N, C-alpha and C. Protein backbone atom coordinates (compact mmCIF):
# COMPACT_ATOMS: atom_id res chain seq x y z
N MET A 1 93.08 -71.08 -29.76
CA MET A 1 92.64 -70.35 -28.56
C MET A 1 91.11 -70.40 -28.48
N ASN A 2 90.58 -70.63 -27.30
CA ASN A 2 89.14 -70.64 -27.12
C ASN A 2 88.76 -69.73 -25.97
N ALA A 3 87.46 -69.64 -25.72
CA ALA A 3 86.98 -68.70 -24.72
C ALA A 3 87.55 -68.96 -23.34
N SER A 4 87.85 -70.22 -23.04
CA SER A 4 88.35 -70.55 -21.70
C SER A 4 89.76 -70.03 -21.49
N THR A 5 90.50 -69.75 -22.57
CA THR A 5 91.88 -69.26 -22.44
C THR A 5 91.96 -67.75 -22.60
N LEU A 6 90.88 -67.10 -22.95
CA LEU A 6 90.88 -65.66 -23.10
C LEU A 6 90.59 -64.98 -21.77
N ASP A 7 91.13 -63.79 -21.62
CA ASP A 7 90.86 -62.99 -20.43
C ASP A 7 89.57 -62.21 -20.69
N LEU A 8 88.43 -62.88 -20.55
CA LEU A 8 87.16 -62.25 -20.86
C LEU A 8 86.82 -61.13 -19.89
N ALA A 9 87.35 -61.21 -18.68
CA ALA A 9 87.08 -60.15 -17.71
C ALA A 9 87.62 -58.80 -18.18
N SER A 10 88.67 -58.84 -19.00
CA SER A 10 89.26 -57.59 -19.48
C SER A 10 88.37 -56.88 -20.49
N LEU A 11 87.36 -57.57 -21.00
CA LEU A 11 86.45 -56.97 -21.96
C LEU A 11 85.35 -56.16 -21.30
N ARG A 12 85.25 -56.24 -19.99
CA ARG A 12 84.18 -55.55 -19.27
C ARG A 12 84.28 -54.04 -19.48
N GLN A 13 83.12 -53.41 -19.70
CA GLN A 13 83.07 -51.96 -19.84
C GLN A 13 82.15 -51.38 -18.78
N ASP A 14 82.44 -50.18 -18.35
CA ASP A 14 81.60 -49.48 -17.38
C ASP A 14 80.83 -48.41 -18.13
N TYR A 15 79.51 -48.52 -18.14
CA TYR A 15 78.67 -47.63 -18.93
C TYR A 15 78.38 -46.34 -18.16
N ARG A 16 78.57 -45.20 -18.83
CA ARG A 16 78.42 -43.92 -18.14
C ARG A 16 77.80 -42.82 -19.00
N GLN A 17 77.33 -43.13 -20.20
CA GLN A 17 76.90 -42.07 -21.10
C GLN A 17 75.60 -41.39 -20.70
N HIS A 18 74.59 -42.20 -20.32
CA HIS A 18 73.25 -41.64 -20.14
C HIS A 18 72.60 -42.24 -18.89
N GLU A 19 71.43 -41.67 -18.55
CA GLU A 19 70.58 -42.25 -17.53
C GLU A 19 69.17 -42.34 -18.08
N LEU A 20 68.37 -43.18 -17.45
CA LEU A 20 66.99 -43.40 -17.91
C LEU A 20 66.07 -43.25 -16.71
N LEU A 21 65.34 -42.13 -16.66
CA LEU A 21 64.48 -41.82 -15.53
C LEU A 21 63.01 -41.76 -15.96
N GLU A 22 62.15 -42.16 -15.05
CA GLU A 22 60.72 -42.18 -15.35
C GLU A 22 60.22 -40.80 -15.78
N ALA A 23 60.77 -39.75 -15.20
CA ALA A 23 60.30 -38.39 -15.50
C ALA A 23 60.65 -37.94 -16.91
N ASN A 24 61.57 -38.64 -17.56
CA ASN A 24 62.07 -38.19 -18.85
C ASN A 24 61.62 -39.04 -20.04
N VAL A 25 60.75 -40.03 -19.81
CA VAL A 25 60.33 -40.91 -20.91
C VAL A 25 58.89 -40.62 -21.31
N LYS A 26 58.55 -41.05 -22.53
CA LYS A 26 57.19 -40.90 -23.03
C LYS A 26 56.27 -41.90 -22.32
N ALA A 27 55.00 -41.54 -22.23
CA ALA A 27 54.02 -42.44 -21.62
C ALA A 27 53.74 -43.64 -22.51
N ASP A 28 53.92 -43.46 -23.81
CA ASP A 28 53.70 -44.55 -24.78
C ASP A 28 55.05 -45.11 -25.21
N PRO A 29 55.27 -46.42 -25.08
CA PRO A 29 56.58 -46.98 -25.41
C PRO A 29 56.93 -46.90 -26.89
N LEU A 30 55.93 -46.93 -27.78
CA LEU A 30 56.22 -46.80 -29.20
C LEU A 30 56.79 -45.41 -29.51
N GLN A 31 56.27 -44.39 -28.82
CA GLN A 31 56.83 -43.04 -28.98
C GLN A 31 58.23 -42.96 -28.38
N GLN A 32 58.43 -43.63 -27.25
CA GLN A 32 59.77 -43.65 -26.65
C GLN A 32 60.76 -44.37 -27.56
N PHE A 33 60.30 -45.45 -28.21
CA PHE A 33 61.17 -46.15 -29.15
C PHE A 33 61.57 -45.23 -30.29
N GLN A 34 60.63 -44.44 -30.79
CA GLN A 34 60.94 -43.54 -31.89
C GLN A 34 62.01 -42.52 -31.47
N VAL A 35 61.95 -42.07 -30.23
CA VAL A 35 62.97 -41.13 -29.72
C VAL A 35 64.33 -41.79 -29.71
N TRP A 36 64.41 -42.99 -29.14
CA TRP A 36 65.70 -43.69 -29.06
C TRP A 36 66.19 -44.10 -30.45
N PHE A 37 65.28 -44.49 -31.33
CA PHE A 37 65.70 -44.91 -32.66
C PHE A 37 66.29 -43.72 -33.42
N ALA A 38 65.67 -42.55 -33.30
CA ALA A 38 66.20 -41.35 -33.94
C ALA A 38 67.58 -41.01 -33.39
N GLU A 39 67.77 -41.19 -32.09
CA GLU A 39 69.07 -40.91 -31.49
C GLU A 39 70.12 -41.92 -31.96
N ALA A 40 69.71 -43.17 -32.19
CA ALA A 40 70.64 -44.17 -32.72
C ALA A 40 71.08 -43.80 -34.14
N ILE A 41 70.14 -43.28 -34.93
CA ILE A 41 70.49 -42.83 -36.28
C ILE A 41 71.45 -41.64 -36.21
N ASP A 42 71.15 -40.68 -35.33
CA ASP A 42 72.00 -39.50 -35.18
C ASP A 42 73.41 -39.88 -34.72
N ALA A 43 73.50 -40.95 -33.90
CA ALA A 43 74.80 -41.41 -33.40
C ALA A 43 75.54 -42.27 -34.42
N GLN A 44 74.93 -42.45 -35.60
CA GLN A 44 75.51 -43.24 -36.68
C GLN A 44 75.81 -44.68 -36.25
N VAL A 45 74.88 -45.24 -35.48
CA VAL A 45 74.96 -46.65 -35.13
C VAL A 45 74.84 -47.47 -36.42
N PRO A 46 75.73 -48.41 -36.68
CA PRO A 46 75.62 -49.22 -37.90
C PRO A 46 74.33 -50.02 -37.90
N GLU A 47 73.56 -49.90 -38.97
CA GLU A 47 72.29 -50.61 -39.12
C GLU A 47 71.48 -50.59 -37.81
N PRO A 48 71.01 -49.42 -37.40
CA PRO A 48 70.25 -49.34 -36.14
C PRO A 48 68.95 -50.12 -36.16
N ASN A 49 68.48 -50.49 -37.36
CA ASN A 49 67.25 -51.28 -37.47
C ASN A 49 67.50 -52.78 -37.41
N ALA A 50 68.74 -53.19 -37.22
CA ALA A 50 69.04 -54.62 -37.05
C ALA A 50 68.54 -55.08 -35.69
N MET A 51 67.87 -56.22 -35.65
CA MET A 51 67.31 -56.70 -34.38
C MET A 51 67.34 -58.22 -34.35
N THR A 52 67.50 -58.74 -33.16
CA THR A 52 67.38 -60.18 -32.96
C THR A 52 65.90 -60.54 -32.88
N LEU A 53 65.49 -61.52 -33.66
CA LEU A 53 64.13 -62.04 -33.62
C LEU A 53 64.16 -63.43 -33.02
N ALA A 54 63.47 -63.62 -31.92
CA ALA A 54 63.39 -64.92 -31.26
C ALA A 54 61.99 -65.50 -31.42
N THR A 55 61.93 -66.75 -31.88
CA THR A 55 60.67 -67.46 -32.05
C THR A 55 60.74 -68.79 -31.31
N VAL A 56 59.64 -69.52 -31.34
CA VAL A 56 59.58 -70.84 -30.70
C VAL A 56 59.35 -71.88 -31.79
N SER A 57 60.19 -72.91 -31.82
CA SER A 57 60.08 -73.94 -32.84
C SER A 57 58.88 -74.85 -32.56
N THR A 58 58.58 -75.70 -33.53
CA THR A 58 57.48 -76.64 -33.37
C THR A 58 57.78 -77.65 -32.26
N GLU A 59 59.06 -77.79 -31.88
CA GLU A 59 59.45 -78.67 -30.77
C GLU A 59 59.48 -77.92 -29.44
N GLY A 60 59.08 -76.65 -29.46
CA GLY A 60 59.06 -75.86 -28.23
C GLY A 60 60.42 -75.31 -27.84
N LYS A 61 61.36 -75.24 -28.79
CA LYS A 61 62.71 -74.75 -28.49
C LYS A 61 62.87 -73.32 -29.01
N PRO A 62 63.64 -72.48 -28.29
CA PRO A 62 63.86 -71.12 -28.76
C PRO A 62 64.78 -71.09 -29.97
N VAL A 63 64.50 -70.20 -30.90
CA VAL A 63 65.31 -70.03 -32.11
C VAL A 63 65.47 -68.52 -32.33
N ALA A 64 66.70 -68.08 -32.60
CA ALA A 64 66.95 -66.64 -32.78
C ALA A 64 67.79 -66.39 -34.01
N ARG A 65 67.59 -65.22 -34.62
CA ARG A 65 68.37 -64.79 -35.77
C ARG A 65 68.25 -63.27 -35.88
N MET A 66 69.10 -62.66 -36.72
CA MET A 66 69.04 -61.22 -36.95
C MET A 66 68.16 -60.94 -38.16
N VAL A 67 67.28 -59.93 -38.04
CA VAL A 67 66.48 -59.46 -39.16
C VAL A 67 66.49 -57.93 -39.11
N LEU A 68 65.88 -57.31 -40.11
CA LEU A 68 65.87 -55.85 -40.18
C LEU A 68 64.46 -55.31 -39.97
N LEU A 69 64.35 -54.34 -39.08
CA LEU A 69 63.08 -53.64 -38.86
C LEU A 69 62.77 -52.78 -40.08
N LYS A 70 61.54 -52.85 -40.57
CA LYS A 70 61.15 -52.06 -41.73
C LYS A 70 60.10 -51.01 -41.40
N GLU A 71 59.49 -51.11 -40.23
CA GLU A 71 58.48 -50.12 -39.84
C GLU A 71 58.25 -50.24 -38.35
N ALA A 72 58.08 -49.11 -37.69
CA ALA A 72 57.73 -49.10 -36.27
C ALA A 72 56.71 -47.98 -36.05
N THR A 73 55.47 -48.37 -35.81
CA THR A 73 54.38 -47.40 -35.62
C THR A 73 53.58 -47.80 -34.39
N GLU A 74 52.50 -47.09 -34.15
CA GLU A 74 51.61 -47.43 -33.04
C GLU A 74 51.04 -48.83 -33.20
N GLN A 75 51.03 -49.35 -34.44
CA GLN A 75 50.49 -50.69 -34.68
C GLN A 75 51.50 -51.79 -34.41
N GLY A 76 52.79 -51.45 -34.33
CA GLY A 76 53.77 -52.46 -34.00
C GLY A 76 55.02 -52.39 -34.86
N PHE A 77 55.82 -53.46 -34.77
CA PHE A 77 57.13 -53.56 -35.42
C PHE A 77 57.02 -54.54 -36.59
N VAL A 78 57.47 -54.10 -37.78
CA VAL A 78 57.28 -54.88 -38.99
C VAL A 78 58.62 -55.32 -39.57
N PHE A 79 58.68 -56.60 -40.00
CA PHE A 79 59.80 -57.11 -40.77
C PHE A 79 59.24 -58.01 -41.87
N TYR A 80 60.06 -58.24 -42.91
CA TYR A 80 59.61 -59.02 -44.06
C TYR A 80 60.51 -60.24 -44.25
N THR A 81 59.91 -61.32 -44.75
CA THR A 81 60.68 -62.55 -44.94
C THR A 81 59.88 -63.53 -45.79
N ASN A 82 60.45 -64.71 -45.97
CA ASN A 82 59.81 -65.81 -46.68
C ASN A 82 58.91 -66.57 -45.69
N PHE A 83 57.64 -66.70 -46.00
CA PHE A 83 56.72 -67.39 -45.09
C PHE A 83 57.07 -68.87 -44.91
N ASP A 84 57.79 -69.44 -45.90
CA ASP A 84 58.15 -70.85 -45.83
C ASP A 84 59.47 -71.09 -45.09
N SER A 85 60.13 -70.01 -44.67
CA SER A 85 61.39 -70.13 -43.95
C SER A 85 61.17 -70.74 -42.57
N ARG A 86 62.27 -71.02 -41.88
CA ARG A 86 62.14 -71.60 -40.55
C ARG A 86 61.39 -70.66 -39.61
N LYS A 87 61.69 -69.36 -39.70
CA LYS A 87 60.99 -68.42 -38.84
C LYS A 87 59.51 -68.37 -39.18
N GLY A 88 59.19 -68.46 -40.49
CA GLY A 88 57.80 -68.47 -40.90
C GLY A 88 57.05 -69.69 -40.37
N GLN A 89 57.70 -70.82 -40.41
CA GLN A 89 57.09 -72.04 -39.87
C GLN A 89 56.90 -71.93 -38.36
N ASN A 90 57.91 -71.36 -37.68
CA ASN A 90 57.79 -71.16 -36.24
C ASN A 90 56.58 -70.29 -35.91
N LEU A 91 56.44 -69.17 -36.66
CA LEU A 91 55.38 -68.22 -36.36
C LEU A 91 54.01 -68.76 -36.74
N ALA A 92 53.94 -69.63 -37.74
CA ALA A 92 52.67 -70.26 -38.08
C ALA A 92 52.22 -71.20 -36.95
N HIS A 93 53.21 -71.82 -36.30
CA HIS A 93 52.91 -72.75 -35.21
C HIS A 93 52.60 -72.01 -33.91
N PHE A 94 53.34 -70.95 -33.64
CA PHE A 94 53.18 -70.21 -32.38
C PHE A 94 53.41 -68.73 -32.69
N PRO A 95 52.33 -67.95 -32.89
CA PRO A 95 52.46 -66.58 -33.38
C PRO A 95 52.80 -65.54 -32.29
N TRP A 96 53.83 -65.83 -31.54
CA TRP A 96 54.37 -64.88 -30.55
C TRP A 96 55.88 -64.83 -30.75
N ALA A 97 56.47 -63.67 -30.48
CA ALA A 97 57.91 -63.54 -30.71
C ALA A 97 58.48 -62.45 -29.81
N ALA A 98 59.81 -62.36 -29.80
CA ALA A 98 60.52 -61.33 -29.06
C ALA A 98 61.57 -60.70 -29.96
N LEU A 99 61.81 -59.41 -29.76
CA LEU A 99 62.82 -58.66 -30.50
C LEU A 99 63.81 -58.06 -29.51
N VAL A 100 65.06 -57.94 -29.95
CA VAL A 100 66.07 -57.24 -29.15
C VAL A 100 66.87 -56.32 -30.06
N PHE A 101 66.94 -55.04 -29.71
CA PHE A 101 67.81 -54.08 -30.37
C PHE A 101 68.98 -53.80 -29.44
N TRP A 102 70.19 -53.77 -29.98
CA TRP A 102 71.39 -53.45 -29.18
C TRP A 102 72.15 -52.33 -29.89
N TRP A 103 72.21 -51.18 -29.24
CA TRP A 103 72.90 -50.02 -29.78
C TRP A 103 74.10 -49.72 -28.87
N ALA A 104 75.21 -50.40 -29.16
CA ALA A 104 76.38 -50.33 -28.28
C ALA A 104 76.91 -48.92 -28.14
N GLU A 105 76.86 -48.14 -29.22
CA GLU A 105 77.40 -46.79 -29.19
C GLU A 105 76.68 -45.90 -28.17
N LEU A 106 75.43 -46.23 -27.87
CA LEU A 106 74.65 -45.47 -26.89
C LEU A 106 74.47 -46.22 -25.58
N GLU A 107 75.06 -47.43 -25.52
CA GLU A 107 74.94 -48.28 -24.32
C GLU A 107 73.47 -48.55 -24.00
N ARG A 108 72.72 -48.90 -25.05
CA ARG A 108 71.28 -49.08 -24.91
C ARG A 108 70.81 -50.40 -25.52
N GLN A 109 69.75 -50.91 -24.93
CA GLN A 109 69.10 -52.12 -25.41
C GLN A 109 67.58 -51.91 -25.31
N VAL A 110 66.85 -52.44 -26.30
CA VAL A 110 65.39 -52.43 -26.23
C VAL A 110 64.90 -53.86 -26.46
N ARG A 111 64.05 -54.33 -25.58
CA ARG A 111 63.49 -55.68 -25.69
C ARG A 111 61.99 -55.56 -25.88
N VAL A 112 61.46 -56.31 -26.86
CA VAL A 112 60.04 -56.23 -27.21
C VAL A 112 59.46 -57.63 -27.24
N GLU A 113 58.27 -57.80 -26.68
CA GLU A 113 57.57 -59.08 -26.72
C GLU A 113 56.13 -58.84 -27.16
N GLY A 114 55.59 -59.76 -27.96
CA GLY A 114 54.21 -59.59 -28.36
C GLY A 114 53.73 -60.61 -29.37
N GLN A 115 52.49 -60.43 -29.80
CA GLN A 115 51.85 -61.34 -30.74
C GLN A 115 52.16 -60.93 -32.17
N ILE A 116 52.19 -61.92 -33.05
CA ILE A 116 52.55 -61.71 -34.45
C ILE A 116 51.33 -61.89 -35.36
N THR A 117 51.19 -60.98 -36.31
CA THR A 117 50.21 -61.14 -37.39
C THR A 117 50.91 -60.91 -38.72
N GLN A 118 50.36 -61.46 -39.80
CA GLN A 118 50.97 -61.30 -41.11
C GLN A 118 50.61 -59.95 -41.73
N VAL A 119 51.56 -59.42 -42.48
CA VAL A 119 51.34 -58.25 -43.32
C VAL A 119 51.24 -58.76 -44.75
N VAL A 120 50.07 -58.66 -45.34
CA VAL A 120 49.87 -59.18 -46.70
C VAL A 120 49.12 -58.13 -47.53
N GLY A 121 48.73 -58.50 -48.72
CA GLY A 121 47.91 -57.64 -49.56
C GLY A 121 48.65 -56.40 -50.02
N ASP A 122 47.90 -55.29 -50.11
CA ASP A 122 48.43 -54.05 -50.68
C ASP A 122 49.64 -53.53 -49.91
N GLU A 123 49.63 -53.67 -48.59
CA GLU A 123 50.74 -53.16 -47.79
C GLU A 123 52.03 -53.90 -48.12
N ALA A 124 51.95 -55.22 -48.19
CA ALA A 124 53.13 -56.01 -48.53
C ALA A 124 53.56 -55.75 -49.97
N ASP A 125 52.59 -55.60 -50.88
CA ASP A 125 52.91 -55.32 -52.28
C ASP A 125 53.66 -54.00 -52.40
N ALA A 126 53.20 -52.98 -51.66
CA ALA A 126 53.83 -51.66 -51.74
C ALA A 126 55.26 -51.72 -51.24
N TYR A 127 55.50 -52.44 -50.16
CA TYR A 127 56.87 -52.54 -49.67
C TYR A 127 57.74 -53.32 -50.65
N PHE A 128 57.19 -54.39 -51.21
CA PHE A 128 57.97 -55.19 -52.17
C PHE A 128 58.40 -54.33 -53.36
N ARG A 129 57.51 -53.47 -53.85
CA ARG A 129 57.84 -52.60 -54.99
C ARG A 129 58.93 -51.60 -54.64
N SER A 130 59.07 -51.26 -53.36
CA SER A 130 60.07 -50.28 -52.94
C SER A 130 61.47 -50.88 -52.84
N ARG A 131 61.57 -52.20 -52.88
CA ARG A 131 62.87 -52.86 -52.75
C ARG A 131 63.67 -52.75 -54.04
N PRO A 132 65.01 -52.79 -53.95
CA PRO A 132 65.82 -52.83 -55.17
C PRO A 132 65.44 -54.05 -56.01
N ARG A 133 65.58 -53.93 -57.32
CA ARG A 133 65.17 -55.02 -58.23
C ARG A 133 65.91 -56.32 -57.89
N GLY A 134 67.18 -56.23 -57.53
CA GLY A 134 67.92 -57.43 -57.16
C GLY A 134 67.33 -58.12 -55.95
N SER A 135 66.86 -57.33 -54.98
CA SER A 135 66.24 -57.92 -53.80
C SER A 135 64.89 -58.55 -54.14
N GLN A 136 64.18 -57.93 -55.07
CA GLN A 136 62.91 -58.51 -55.51
C GLN A 136 63.15 -59.89 -56.15
N LEU A 137 64.16 -59.95 -57.00
CA LEU A 137 64.48 -61.24 -57.62
C LEU A 137 64.93 -62.24 -56.57
N GLY A 138 65.70 -61.77 -55.59
CA GLY A 138 66.20 -62.66 -54.55
C GLY A 138 65.08 -63.33 -53.77
N ALA A 139 63.95 -62.63 -53.61
CA ALA A 139 62.81 -63.22 -52.90
C ALA A 139 62.24 -64.41 -53.67
N TRP A 140 62.37 -64.39 -54.99
CA TRP A 140 61.93 -65.53 -55.81
C TRP A 140 62.99 -66.62 -55.86
N VAL A 141 64.27 -66.21 -55.85
CA VAL A 141 65.37 -67.15 -56.05
C VAL A 141 65.52 -68.13 -54.89
N SER A 142 65.49 -67.60 -53.67
CA SER A 142 65.91 -68.40 -52.52
C SER A 142 64.77 -69.17 -51.86
N PRO A 143 64.86 -70.50 -51.78
CA PRO A 143 63.93 -71.30 -50.96
C PRO A 143 64.42 -71.25 -49.51
N GLN A 144 64.23 -70.15 -48.88
CA GLN A 144 64.88 -69.83 -47.61
C GLN A 144 64.77 -70.94 -46.58
N SER A 145 65.89 -71.25 -45.94
CA SER A 145 66.04 -72.25 -44.87
C SER A 145 66.07 -73.70 -45.38
N GLN A 146 65.85 -73.91 -46.68
CA GLN A 146 65.93 -75.27 -47.21
C GLN A 146 67.37 -75.60 -47.60
N VAL A 147 67.71 -76.86 -47.56
CA VAL A 147 69.04 -77.32 -47.97
C VAL A 147 69.17 -77.20 -49.49
N ILE A 148 70.28 -76.61 -49.96
CA ILE A 148 70.56 -76.54 -51.40
C ILE A 148 71.91 -77.18 -51.67
N CYS A 149 72.13 -77.57 -52.92
CA CYS A 149 73.34 -78.35 -53.24
C CYS A 149 74.60 -77.50 -53.20
N ASP A 150 74.54 -76.28 -53.73
CA ASP A 150 75.72 -75.41 -53.75
C ASP A 150 75.29 -74.01 -54.15
N ARG A 151 76.27 -73.10 -54.24
CA ARG A 151 75.99 -71.71 -54.58
C ARG A 151 75.48 -71.57 -56.02
N THR A 152 75.93 -72.48 -56.89
CA THR A 152 75.52 -72.43 -58.29
C THR A 152 74.00 -72.53 -58.44
N PHE A 153 73.38 -73.27 -57.55
CA PHE A 153 71.92 -73.40 -57.55
C PHE A 153 71.26 -72.03 -57.55
N LEU A 154 71.79 -71.12 -56.71
CA LEU A 154 71.21 -69.78 -56.60
C LEU A 154 71.51 -68.94 -57.83
N THR A 155 72.76 -68.99 -58.30
CA THR A 155 73.13 -68.15 -59.44
C THR A 155 72.37 -68.55 -60.70
N LYS A 156 72.15 -69.84 -60.90
CA LYS A 156 71.40 -70.29 -62.08
C LYS A 156 69.94 -69.85 -61.99
N ARG A 157 69.36 -69.95 -60.81
CA ARG A 157 67.97 -69.51 -60.64
C ARG A 157 67.85 -68.01 -60.86
N LEU A 158 68.85 -67.25 -60.38
CA LEU A 158 68.83 -65.81 -60.58
C LEU A 158 68.91 -65.46 -62.06
N GLN A 159 69.80 -66.11 -62.78
CA GLN A 159 69.93 -65.85 -64.21
C GLN A 159 68.63 -66.16 -64.96
N ALA A 160 68.00 -67.25 -64.58
CA ALA A 160 66.75 -67.64 -65.24
C ALA A 160 65.64 -66.61 -64.97
N LEU A 161 65.58 -66.12 -63.75
CA LEU A 161 64.54 -65.15 -63.40
C LEU A 161 64.82 -63.79 -63.99
N GLU A 162 66.09 -63.41 -64.10
CA GLU A 162 66.43 -62.16 -64.77
C GLU A 162 65.95 -62.17 -66.22
N THR A 163 66.08 -63.33 -66.86
CA THR A 163 65.59 -63.47 -68.23
C THR A 163 64.08 -63.45 -68.27
N GLN A 164 63.45 -64.17 -67.37
CA GLN A 164 61.98 -64.27 -67.34
C GLN A 164 61.32 -62.91 -67.15
N TYR A 165 61.90 -62.08 -66.25
CA TYR A 165 61.27 -60.80 -65.92
C TYR A 165 61.94 -59.61 -66.57
N ALA A 166 62.77 -59.84 -67.57
CA ALA A 166 63.44 -58.73 -68.27
C ALA A 166 62.42 -57.74 -68.81
N GLY A 167 62.58 -56.48 -68.41
CA GLY A 167 61.67 -55.43 -68.88
C GLY A 167 60.28 -55.49 -68.29
N GLN A 168 60.08 -56.30 -67.27
CA GLN A 168 58.76 -56.45 -66.67
C GLN A 168 58.79 -56.08 -65.18
N VAL A 169 57.61 -55.76 -64.66
CA VAL A 169 57.46 -55.58 -63.22
C VAL A 169 57.52 -56.94 -62.54
N ILE A 170 58.28 -57.05 -61.48
CA ILE A 170 58.41 -58.32 -60.77
C ILE A 170 57.31 -58.39 -59.71
N PRO A 171 56.44 -59.37 -59.76
CA PRO A 171 55.37 -59.48 -58.75
C PRO A 171 55.92 -59.99 -57.42
N ARG A 172 55.20 -59.69 -56.36
CA ARG A 172 55.58 -60.22 -55.05
C ARG A 172 55.29 -61.71 -55.00
N PRO A 173 56.26 -62.54 -54.58
CA PRO A 173 55.99 -63.98 -54.48
C PRO A 173 54.88 -64.25 -53.46
N PRO A 174 54.04 -65.23 -53.72
CA PRO A 174 52.96 -65.53 -52.76
C PRO A 174 53.49 -66.03 -51.42
N HIS A 175 54.74 -66.53 -51.40
CA HIS A 175 55.32 -67.05 -50.17
C HIS A 175 56.13 -65.99 -49.41
N TRP A 176 56.04 -64.75 -49.83
CA TRP A 176 56.88 -63.69 -49.25
C TRP A 176 56.00 -62.54 -48.79
N GLY A 177 56.26 -62.06 -47.58
CA GLY A 177 55.48 -60.94 -47.05
C GLY A 177 56.03 -60.50 -45.71
N GLY A 178 55.20 -59.83 -44.96
CA GLY A 178 55.67 -59.26 -43.70
C GLY A 178 54.99 -59.84 -42.48
N TYR A 179 55.60 -59.55 -41.35
CA TYR A 179 55.02 -59.86 -40.04
C TYR A 179 55.03 -58.59 -39.20
N ARG A 180 53.98 -58.42 -38.44
CA ARG A 180 53.89 -57.28 -37.52
C ARG A 180 53.81 -57.81 -36.09
N LEU A 181 54.76 -57.42 -35.27
CA LEU A 181 54.72 -57.78 -33.86
C LEU A 181 53.98 -56.66 -33.11
N GLN A 182 52.85 -57.02 -32.52
CA GLN A 182 52.07 -56.06 -31.74
C GLN A 182 52.47 -56.21 -30.27
N PRO A 183 53.20 -55.24 -29.73
CA PRO A 183 53.84 -55.43 -28.42
C PRO A 183 52.86 -55.45 -27.26
N SER A 184 53.16 -56.34 -26.32
CA SER A 184 52.46 -56.35 -25.03
C SER A 184 53.41 -55.95 -23.91
N GLN A 185 54.71 -55.94 -24.24
CA GLN A 185 55.73 -55.54 -23.26
C GLN A 185 56.95 -55.00 -24.01
N ILE A 186 57.46 -53.85 -23.56
CA ILE A 186 58.67 -53.26 -24.12
C ILE A 186 59.54 -52.77 -22.97
N GLU A 187 60.79 -53.20 -22.99
CA GLU A 187 61.73 -52.78 -21.95
C GLU A 187 62.85 -51.94 -22.56
N PHE A 188 63.11 -50.80 -21.92
CA PHE A 188 64.22 -49.94 -22.32
C PHE A 188 65.33 -50.08 -21.28
N TRP A 189 66.51 -50.40 -21.75
CA TRP A 189 67.67 -50.69 -20.90
C TRP A 189 68.77 -49.68 -21.21
N GLN A 190 69.21 -48.98 -20.18
CA GLN A 190 70.29 -48.02 -20.34
C GLN A 190 71.46 -48.42 -19.45
N GLY A 191 72.63 -48.62 -20.04
CA GLY A 191 73.80 -48.99 -19.25
C GLY A 191 74.18 -47.89 -18.27
N ARG A 192 74.51 -48.30 -17.04
CA ARG A 192 74.93 -47.36 -15.99
C ARG A 192 76.17 -47.90 -15.29
N PRO A 193 76.88 -47.08 -14.53
CA PRO A 193 78.10 -47.53 -13.84
C PRO A 193 77.82 -48.66 -12.84
N ASN A 194 78.85 -49.47 -12.62
CA ASN A 194 78.82 -50.53 -11.61
C ASN A 194 77.75 -51.58 -11.85
N ARG A 195 77.35 -51.73 -13.10
CA ARG A 195 76.33 -52.70 -13.49
C ARG A 195 74.96 -52.41 -12.85
N LEU A 196 74.75 -51.19 -12.37
CA LEU A 196 73.46 -50.80 -11.82
C LEU A 196 72.66 -50.10 -12.93
N HIS A 197 72.33 -50.87 -13.94
CA HIS A 197 71.72 -50.32 -15.14
C HIS A 197 70.28 -49.87 -14.87
N ASP A 198 69.81 -48.93 -15.71
CA ASP A 198 68.41 -48.51 -15.67
C ASP A 198 67.59 -49.42 -16.57
N ARG A 199 66.47 -49.92 -16.03
CA ARG A 199 65.55 -50.76 -16.81
C ARG A 199 64.12 -50.28 -16.56
N LEU A 200 63.50 -49.73 -17.57
CA LEU A 200 62.10 -49.33 -17.48
C LEU A 200 61.28 -50.23 -18.40
N CYS A 201 60.31 -50.91 -17.81
CA CYS A 201 59.50 -51.88 -18.54
C CYS A 201 58.06 -51.39 -18.67
N TYR A 202 57.59 -51.30 -19.90
CA TYR A 202 56.19 -50.94 -20.18
C TYR A 202 55.42 -52.23 -20.39
N ARG A 203 54.32 -52.40 -19.64
CA ARG A 203 53.46 -53.55 -19.83
C ARG A 203 52.05 -53.08 -20.14
N LEU A 204 51.42 -53.74 -21.12
CA LEU A 204 50.07 -53.38 -21.53
C LEU A 204 49.07 -54.05 -20.61
N GLY A 205 48.30 -53.26 -19.91
CA GLY A 205 47.34 -53.79 -18.95
C GLY A 205 46.03 -54.22 -19.59
N GLU A 206 45.14 -54.77 -18.78
CA GLU A 206 43.85 -55.25 -19.28
C GLU A 206 43.02 -54.12 -19.87
N SER A 207 43.22 -52.90 -19.38
CA SER A 207 42.48 -51.74 -19.90
C SER A 207 43.13 -51.17 -21.16
N LYS A 208 44.16 -51.87 -21.68
CA LYS A 208 44.88 -51.45 -22.88
C LYS A 208 45.64 -50.15 -22.67
N THR A 209 46.03 -49.90 -21.44
CA THR A 209 46.88 -48.76 -21.12
C THR A 209 48.25 -49.28 -20.68
N TRP A 210 49.28 -48.49 -20.94
CA TRP A 210 50.64 -48.89 -20.62
C TRP A 210 51.01 -48.51 -19.19
N GLN A 211 51.56 -49.46 -18.47
CA GLN A 211 52.06 -49.24 -17.12
C GLN A 211 53.59 -49.32 -17.14
N ILE A 212 54.26 -48.37 -16.50
CA ILE A 212 55.72 -48.35 -16.47
C ILE A 212 56.21 -48.81 -15.11
N LYS A 213 57.09 -49.80 -15.10
CA LYS A 213 57.69 -50.30 -13.88
C LYS A 213 59.21 -50.29 -14.03
N ARG A 214 59.90 -49.95 -12.95
CA ARG A 214 61.37 -50.04 -12.95
C ARG A 214 61.77 -51.42 -12.48
N LEU A 215 62.69 -52.05 -13.22
CA LEU A 215 63.19 -53.38 -12.86
C LEU A 215 64.61 -53.28 -12.31
N ALA A 216 64.92 -54.14 -11.38
CA ALA A 216 66.29 -54.20 -10.86
C ALA A 216 67.23 -54.69 -11.96
N PRO A 217 68.44 -54.17 -12.00
CA PRO A 217 69.38 -54.59 -13.06
C PRO A 217 69.89 -56.01 -12.84
């Protein structure tokens, strides 16, 4: 069975939980994100910090994958990864990206676009130390996005590193750190009946102030 034989129309849902009005949102989109993120946690959305990260390849093609948000402040949205990975190579070539959060339980979506900078030094070291020891080792084990021969390649490297760092503090790999997306545009999407969804888009103007515009669904 494939998509052409399924009754995909029967999967349609009519969203009715909430509304999104200009009078009820924060003037700063990062503060509004914090409100919605807290509500996603309260609603027990599975992994509310999971987000789609879209980058541009060296060939100018879009590339997307799921990553986990690790920090969201006035300075931007932070995630951590291997700098030598495909996403790292994309961002080295073109340091702009987009994020998408989808919280189905609340019928909400948040879209973020902006410039990327690296998180390195003490900040990256501090986050690395906060990770479980297995995850710290995993950052050394995996040559992320490279072709490997089989699963045994990873298990043997893990065993070797467990021996090497037994009883020791594991340092942060030089090829591993964070990225911070500094937003220039954030859109909040709230599902509404009859596909007439609410879309409020914050855009950062030349004066570095946020302007809110309503977009047609």
